[in-house]
Amino acid sequence: MNHHTLSDFRVGQGAFLDRLLTVNVASLLATGTVTMKQVAQDGMRVRAHAGAASFRRKERLQQFHAQARQQVEALKREVRDDPAATERRQQAARERAAREREERIAKALAQLPKVEKIKQAQGKPASSARASTTDAEASVMKMPDGGFRPAYNVQLATDTASQVILGVDVVTRGSDLGQLAPMVEQLDERYARRPQEMLVDGGFAKHDDIERLAPTTTVYAPLPKPKDAERDPHAALPDDSETIAAWRKRMGTDEAKEIYKERAATAECVNAIARNRGLQRFNVCGLDKVKSVLLWYALAHNLMRMLELAPGVLLGMPAMT
């Protein structure tokens, strides 16, 4: 056993960890420990492994890629021509490092079109798009302290009654807009049921998502502040659908205000626990590896909740293979 084996195991078992989360929560649902009637979802930006200086524009990335490719070819020739075994091994190690750098730069170039589309949607020129040569899938996001740094947007969905994490996701956009419906669909896929109520902050309040979930799930999300200070934010607008009008009206009731208090009490608490347990910065690169690390955090969190809520369920969980 060495650090390489442990590191590989930590990030190389994503599919298994994902199944384990499903089995873990399903066991709690079967005993009634978790009801999934009310779920709070929140996004948390976690610093990526990539440094801010590793982000480059297209022209610079193309230049680096050409240089890296030339270096790989030169090192290959040296390995073939060098008769000394020890030096060949050293050269092979240098070749491997150069090849890995070339692959990282190629990934950064492949990621650029996605970043360019995001920039254009924000009204910015595509030429301003940059990608990291260290972690191509990381994005520069606005952090809680107001600064901008490379990060991933971690999504957690938590049962409000038990504070058990039900679903996880990692996205490469700093905005939470559009993440509500995919999370509910993930929960449905995992447990064949949907929450009756979803509590989210204003960043999730996309009209399309609220309407999409309306048949099965009631969404509690704060209303955006109207541009006209004299307009009642809870009154329906002329172009509102029936579902959106009902959402506006609902959020003005005392009942909704009481229900919505559970969002911060649940989501912010779970986020703070994750931070206290070390989820401050990822030390791995790539979306798949980052999600594996997040799944470890979710499983560790749920293990602690099970020890408090249902230790018998923990002992009776089926073995995973």
Protein backbone atom coordinates (compact mmCIF):
# COMPACT_ATOMS: atom_id res chain seq x y z
CA MET A 1 0.00 0.00 0.00
CA ASN A 2 1.40 3.42 -0.95
CA HIS A 3 0.13 6.93 -1.53
CA HIS A 4 -0.40 6.28 -5.25
CA THR A 5 -2.75 3.38 -4.51
CA LEU A 6 -4.71 5.43 -1.99
CA SER A 7 -4.91 8.41 -4.34
CA ASP A 8 -6.08 6.26 -7.25
CA PHE A 9 -8.72 4.60 -5.08
CA ARG A 10 -9.95 7.97 -3.84
CA VAL A 11 -10.74 9.30 -7.30
CA GLY A 12 -11.14 6.12 -9.35
CA GLN A 13 -14.30 4.72 -7.76
CA GLY A 14 -16.84 7.36 -8.80
CA ALA A 15 -19.48 4.96 -10.13
CA PHE A 16 -19.23 2.75 -7.03
CA LEU A 17 -19.48 5.73 -4.68
CA ASP A 18 -22.50 7.03 -6.59
CA ARG A 19 -24.26 3.66 -6.21
CA LEU A 20 -23.30 3.55 -2.54
CA LEU A 21 -24.96 6.93 -1.95
CA THR A 22 -28.16 5.61 -3.53
CA VAL A 23 -28.11 2.43 -1.41
CA ASN A 24 -27.31 4.46 1.69
CA VAL A 25 -30.28 6.81 1.30
CA ALA A 26 -32.63 4.08 0.04
CA SER A 27 -32.01 2.15 3.28
CA LEU A 28 -33.02 5.22 5.28
CA LEU A 29 -36.09 5.79 3.11
CA ALA A 30 -37.18 2.18 3.62
CA THR A 31 -37.17 2.59 7.41
CA GLY A 32 -38.78 6.03 7.38
CA THR A 33 -35.69 7.71 8.81
CA VAL A 34 -35.68 9.91 5.70
CA THR A 35 -38.97 11.00 4.13
CA MET A 36 -37.71 13.19 1.27
CA LYS A 37 -40.90 15.23 1.55
CA GLN A 38 -38.98 18.49 1.83
CA VAL A 39 -35.53 19.00 0.30
CA ALA A 40 -33.18 21.98 0.39
CA GLN A 41 -30.71 22.49 -2.45
CA ASP A 42 -27.78 24.86 -2.49
CA GLY A 43 -24.70 25.55 -4.56
CA MET A 44 -21.28 26.04 -2.95
CA ARG A 45 -18.24 27.28 -4.83
CA VAL A 46 -15.14 25.31 -3.93
CA ARG A 47 -11.67 26.43 -5.00
CA ALA A 48 -10.20 24.34 -7.81
CA HIS A 49 -6.68 22.92 -7.83
CA ALA A 50 -5.76 25.12 -10.81
CA GLY A 51 -3.98 28.39 -10.20
CA ALA A 52 -5.34 31.67 -11.56
CA ALA A 53 -2.18 32.14 -13.66
CA SER A 54 -2.81 28.84 -15.49
CA PHE A 55 -5.71 30.35 -17.50
CA ARG A 56 -4.72 31.27 -21.05
CA ARG A 57 -6.43 32.57 -24.16
CA LYS A 58 -6.71 30.58 -27.38
CA GLU A 59 -3.62 31.95 -29.14
CA ARG A 60 -1.39 31.28 -26.14
CA LEU A 61 -2.82 27.78 -25.66
CA GLN A 62 -2.15 26.93 -29.30
CA GLN A 63 1.42 28.14 -28.92
CA PHE A 64 1.93 26.07 -25.75
CA HIS A 65 0.39 23.02 -27.42
CA ALA A 66 2.77 23.22 -30.38
CA GLN A 67 5.76 23.62 -28.06
CA ALA A 68 4.65 20.70 -25.87
CA ARG A 69 4.18 18.45 -28.91
CA GLN A 70 7.67 19.30 -30.18
CA GLN A 71 9.12 18.56 -26.75
CA VAL A 72 7.39 15.15 -26.60
CA GLU A 73 8.77 14.19 -30.03
CA ALA A 74 12.27 15.33 -29.09
CA LEU A 75 12.22 13.33 -25.85
CA LYS A 76 10.96 10.23 -27.69
CA ARG A 77 13.93 10.44 -30.03
CA GLU A 78 16.34 10.81 -27.10
CA VAL A 79 14.89 7.72 -25.38
CA ARG A 80 15.31 5.66 -28.56
CA ASP A 81 18.86 6.86 -29.21
CA ASP A 82 20.21 6.67 -25.62
CA PRO A 83 21.81 3.27 -24.89
CA ALA A 84 22.11 3.76 -21.11
CA ALA A 85 19.23 2.06 -19.26
CA THR A 86 19.24 4.46 -16.30
CA GLU A 87 19.21 7.51 -18.49
CA ARG A 88 16.50 5.92 -20.63
CA ARG A 89 14.29 5.60 -17.56
CA GLN A 90 14.94 9.22 -16.64
CA GLN A 91 14.22 10.30 -20.18
CA ALA A 92 11.04 8.19 -20.20
CA ALA A 93 9.88 9.99 -17.05
CA ARG A 94 10.56 13.36 -18.66
CA GLU A 95 8.74 12.22 -21.79
CA ARG A 96 5.74 11.15 -19.71
CA ALA A 97 5.64 14.52 -17.94
CA ALA A 98 5.84 16.34 -21.28
CA ARG A 99 3.11 14.13 -22.76
CA GLU A 100 0.82 14.78 -19.78
CA ARG A 101 1.37 18.51 -20.19
CA GLU A 102 0.51 18.25 -23.88
CA GLU A 103 -2.69 16.37 -22.99
CA ARG A 104 -3.68 19.01 -20.42
CA ILE A 105 -3.17 21.81 -22.93
CA ALA A 106 -5.18 19.86 -25.54
CA LYS A 107 -8.02 19.54 -23.02
CA ALA A 108 -7.87 23.28 -22.36
CA LEU A 109 -8.16 23.97 -26.10
CA ALA A 110 -11.11 21.55 -26.36
CA GLN A 111 -12.83 23.34 -23.47
CA LEU A 112 -12.49 26.81 -25.03
CA PRO A 113 -15.58 26.62 -27.34
CA LYS A 114 -17.82 26.05 -24.29
CA VAL A 115 -16.26 29.01 -22.49
CA GLU A 116 -16.63 31.16 -25.61
CA LYS A 117 -20.37 30.40 -25.76
CA ILE A 118 -20.76 31.40 -22.11
CA LYS A 119 -18.87 34.65 -22.73
CA GLN A 120 -21.04 35.46 -25.75
CA ALA A 121 -24.21 34.76 -23.74
CA GLN A 122 -22.92 37.28 -21.18
CA GLY A 123 -22.43 39.87 -23.92
CA LYS A 124 -18.64 39.58 -23.82
CA PRO A 125 -16.34 38.90 -26.80
CA ALA A 126 -15.44 35.27 -27.44
CA SER A 127 -11.78 36.29 -27.57
CA SER A 128 -11.88 36.92 -23.81
CA ALA A 129 -12.45 33.20 -23.12
CA ARG A 130 -9.66 31.47 -21.22
CA ALA A 131 -9.04 27.90 -20.06
CA SER A 132 -6.61 26.45 -17.54
CA THR A 133 -3.57 24.43 -18.58
CA THR A 134 -3.73 22.70 -15.18
CA ASP A 135 -7.44 21.84 -14.96
CA ALA A 136 -9.29 22.52 -18.20
CA GLU A 137 -12.74 21.97 -16.66
CA ALA A 138 -12.34 24.49 -13.83
CA SER A 139 -13.91 27.93 -14.29
CA VAL A 140 -13.18 31.32 -12.78
CA MET A 141 -16.06 32.07 -10.41
CA LYS A 142 -17.00 34.79 -7.99
CA MET A 143 -16.25 33.48 -4.51
CA PRO A 144 -18.05 34.27 -1.23
CA ASP A 145 -15.41 36.87 -0.33
CA GLY A 146 -16.09 38.78 -3.57
CA GLY A 147 -12.89 37.69 -5.31
CA PHE A 148 -12.66 35.72 -8.55
CA ARG A 149 -10.76 32.42 -8.53
CA PRO A 150 -10.77 29.04 -10.32
CA ALA A 151 -13.50 26.90 -8.74
CA TYR A 152 -16.21 24.29 -9.14
CA ASN A 153 -19.86 24.82 -8.21
CA VAL A 154 -20.84 21.98 -5.85
CA GLN A 155 -24.56 21.16 -5.66
CA LEU A 156 -26.00 19.39 -2.59
CA ALA A 157 -29.62 18.35 -2.04
CA THR A 158 -30.46 17.62 1.60
CA ASP A 159 -33.51 16.25 3.39
CA THR A 160 -34.60 19.01 5.78
CA ALA A 161 -36.00 16.68 8.47
CA SER A 162 -32.88 14.52 8.82
CA GLN A 163 -30.10 16.60 7.19
CA VAL A 164 -29.13 13.54 5.13
CA ILE A 165 -27.59 14.37 1.74
CA LEU A 166 -29.75 12.86 -1.01
CA GLY A 167 -28.09 14.03 -4.21
CA VAL A 168 -24.85 15.64 -5.38
CA ASP A 169 -23.59 17.25 -8.54
CA VAL A 170 -20.70 19.40 -9.71
CA VAL A 171 -21.08 22.05 -12.39
CA THR A 172 -18.54 24.30 -14.05
CA ARG A 173 -20.68 27.45 -14.04
CA GLY A 174 -20.75 29.84 -11.13
CA SER A 175 -24.50 30.42 -11.46
CA ASP A 176 -27.08 28.08 -9.86
CA LEU A 177 -29.68 29.02 -12.46
CA GLY A 178 -30.99 25.92 -14.20
CA GLN A 179 -29.70 23.45 -11.59
CA LEU A 180 -33.03 22.85 -9.79
CA ALA A 181 -34.83 20.59 -12.26
CA PRO A 182 -31.77 18.39 -12.98
CA MET A 183 -31.35 17.74 -9.26
CA VAL A 184 -35.00 16.73 -8.80
CA GLU A 185 -34.67 14.42 -11.80
CA GLN A 186 -31.52 12.93 -10.27
CA LEU A 187 -33.44 12.20 -7.05
CA ASP A 188 -36.24 10.60 -9.06
CA GLU A 189 -33.74 8.42 -10.90
CA ARG A 190 -32.04 7.37 -7.66
CA TYR A 191 -35.09 6.71 -5.46
CA ALA A 192 -38.11 6.56 -7.82
CA ARG A 193 -39.75 9.45 -5.99
CA ARG A 194 -39.69 13.22 -6.03
CA PRO A 195 -39.78 15.64 -3.09
CA GLN A 196 -43.07 17.36 -2.41
CA GLU A 197 -41.26 20.64 -1.70
CA MET A 198 -37.95 22.07 -2.90
CA LEU A 199 -36.40 24.98 -1.01
CA VAL A 200 -33.79 27.00 -2.92
CA ASP A 201 -32.36 30.51 -2.89
CA GLY A 202 -33.09 33.14 -5.50
CA GLY A 203 -30.24 32.03 -7.75
CA PHE A 204 -32.20 28.88 -8.67
CA ALA A 205 -35.48 30.61 -9.51
CA LYS A 206 -35.69 29.85 -13.21
CA HIS A 207 -39.26 30.00 -14.50
CA ASP A 208 -38.75 27.01 -16.80
CA ASP A 209 -37.65 24.85 -13.86
CA ILE A 210 -40.56 25.93 -11.65
CA GLU A 211 -43.05 25.09 -14.40
CA ARG A 212 -41.32 21.82 -15.25
CA LEU A 213 -41.54 20.62 -11.64
CA ALA A 214 -45.03 21.96 -10.90
CA PRO A 215 -46.95 18.66 -11.43
CA THR A 216 -45.05 16.90 -8.63
CA THR A 217 -43.02 19.42 -6.64
CA THR A 218 -43.81 22.79 -5.08
CA VAL A 219 -40.87 25.18 -5.33
CA TYR A 220 -40.14 27.71 -2.58
CA ALA A 221 -37.73 30.34 -3.86
CA PRO A 222 -37.60 34.08 -3.12
CA LEU A 223 -38.94 36.45 -5.74
CA PRO A 224 -36.58 38.79 -7.57
CA LYS A 225 -36.75 42.40 -6.48
CA PRO A 226 -38.96 44.31 -8.97
CA LYS A 227 -37.40 47.19 -10.89
CA ASP A 228 -40.43 49.28 -10.02
CA ALA A 229 -40.27 49.77 -6.26
CA GLU A 230 -44.01 50.48 -6.13
CA ARG A 231 -45.03 47.22 -7.79
CA ASP A 232 -46.22 44.37 -5.56
CA PRO A 233 -43.73 41.52 -6.21
CA HIS A 234 -46.40 38.95 -5.33
CA ALA A 235 -48.86 40.17 -7.94
CA ALA A 236 -48.92 38.27 -11.23
CA LEU A 237 -47.42 39.91 -14.31
CA PRO A 238 -49.38 40.01 -17.58
CA ASP A 239 -47.17 37.39 -19.26
CA ASP A 240 -46.98 35.03 -16.25
CA SER A 241 -48.17 31.47 -16.67
CA GLU A 242 -50.58 30.05 -14.11
CA THR A 243 -47.71 28.25 -12.38
CA ILE A 244 -45.51 31.34 -12.10
CA ALA A 245 -48.44 33.45 -10.88
CA ALA A 246 -49.12 30.84 -8.19
CA TRP A 247 -45.44 30.90 -7.16
CA ARG A 248 -45.50 34.67 -6.77
CA LYS A 249 -48.66 34.52 -4.68
CA ARG A 250 -47.39 31.59 -2.60
CA MET A 251 -44.16 33.34 -1.59
CA GLY A 252 -46.15 36.20 -0.11
CA THR A 253 -47.96 34.00 2.42
CA ASP A 254 -46.94 33.57 6.06
CA GLU A 255 -46.98 29.80 5.58
CA ALA A 256 -44.38 30.00 2.80
CA LYS A 257 -42.19 32.28 4.90
CA GLU A 258 -42.19 29.73 7.73
CA ILE A 259 -41.45 26.85 5.37
CA TYR A 260 -38.64 28.75 3.69
CA LYS A 261 -36.79 29.16 6.99
CA GLU A 262 -35.86 25.48 6.70
CA ARG A 263 -33.69 26.21 3.65
CA ALA A 264 -30.97 28.09 5.49
CA ALA A 265 -31.28 25.88 8.58
CA THR A 266 -30.56 22.85 6.40
CA ALA A 267 -28.46 23.85 3.38
CA GLU A 268 -26.22 26.38 5.11
CA CYS A 269 -25.63 23.98 8.00
CA VAL A 270 -24.60 21.12 5.70
CA ASN A 271 -22.34 23.46 3.71
CA ALA A 272 -20.66 24.66 6.90
CA ILE A 273 -20.08 21.09 8.08
CA ALA A 274 -18.46 20.23 4.74
CA ARG A 275 -16.20 23.28 5.00
CA ASN A 276 -15.22 22.34 8.55
CA ARG A 277 -14.35 18.84 7.35
CA GLY A 278 -11.94 20.22 4.77
CA LEU A 279 -13.97 20.98 1.65
CA GLN A 280 -12.11 24.23 1.10
CA ARG A 281 -10.14 23.41 -2.03
CA PHE A 282 -10.00 20.40 -4.34
CA ASN A 283 -6.56 18.84 -4.74
CA VAL A 284 -7.56 16.87 -7.84
CA CYS A 285 -8.19 17.98 -11.43
CA GLY A 286 -11.14 17.23 -13.69
CA LEU A 287 -14.89 17.05 -13.20
CA ASP A 288 -15.04 13.28 -12.64
CA LYS A 289 -12.35 13.28 -9.96
CA VAL A 290 -13.86 16.33 -8.25
CA LYS A 291 -17.24 14.59 -8.12
CA SER A 292 -15.62 11.50 -6.60
CA VAL A 293 -14.16 13.63 -3.81
CA LEU A 294 -17.57 15.25 -3.26
CA LEU A 295 -19.21 11.83 -3.00
CA TRP A 296 -16.76 10.87 -0.27
CA TYR A 297 -17.80 13.96 1.67
CA ALA A 298 -21.49 13.18 1.18
CA LEU A 299 -21.06 9.57 2.32
CA ALA A 300 -19.01 10.60 5.36
CA HIS A 301 -21.68 13.16 6.27
CA ASN A 302 -24.47 10.60 5.92
CA LEU A 303 -22.53 8.07 7.97
CA MET A 304 -22.39 10.52 10.86
CA ARG A 305 -26.11 11.26 10.48
CA MET A 306 -26.92 7.52 10.47
CA LEU A 307 -24.94 6.97 13.66
CA GLU A 308 -27.17 9.56 15.31
CA LEU A 309 -30.52 8.82 13.66
CA ALA A 310 -30.52 5.11 12.84
CA PRO A 311 -27.46 3.09 13.91
CA GLY A 312 -29.42 -0.13 13.31
CA VAL A 313 -29.87 0.72 9.64
CA LEU A 314 -26.11 1.21 9.29
CA LEU A 315 -25.43 -2.31 10.57
CA GLY A 316 -28.08 -3.80 8.29
CA MET A 317 -27.01 -2.16 5.02
CA PRO A 318 -26.36 -4.65 2.19
CA ALA A 319 -22.78 -5.28 1.10
CA MET A 320 -21.69 -3.46 -2.08
CA THR A 321 -19.59 -5.01 -4.81
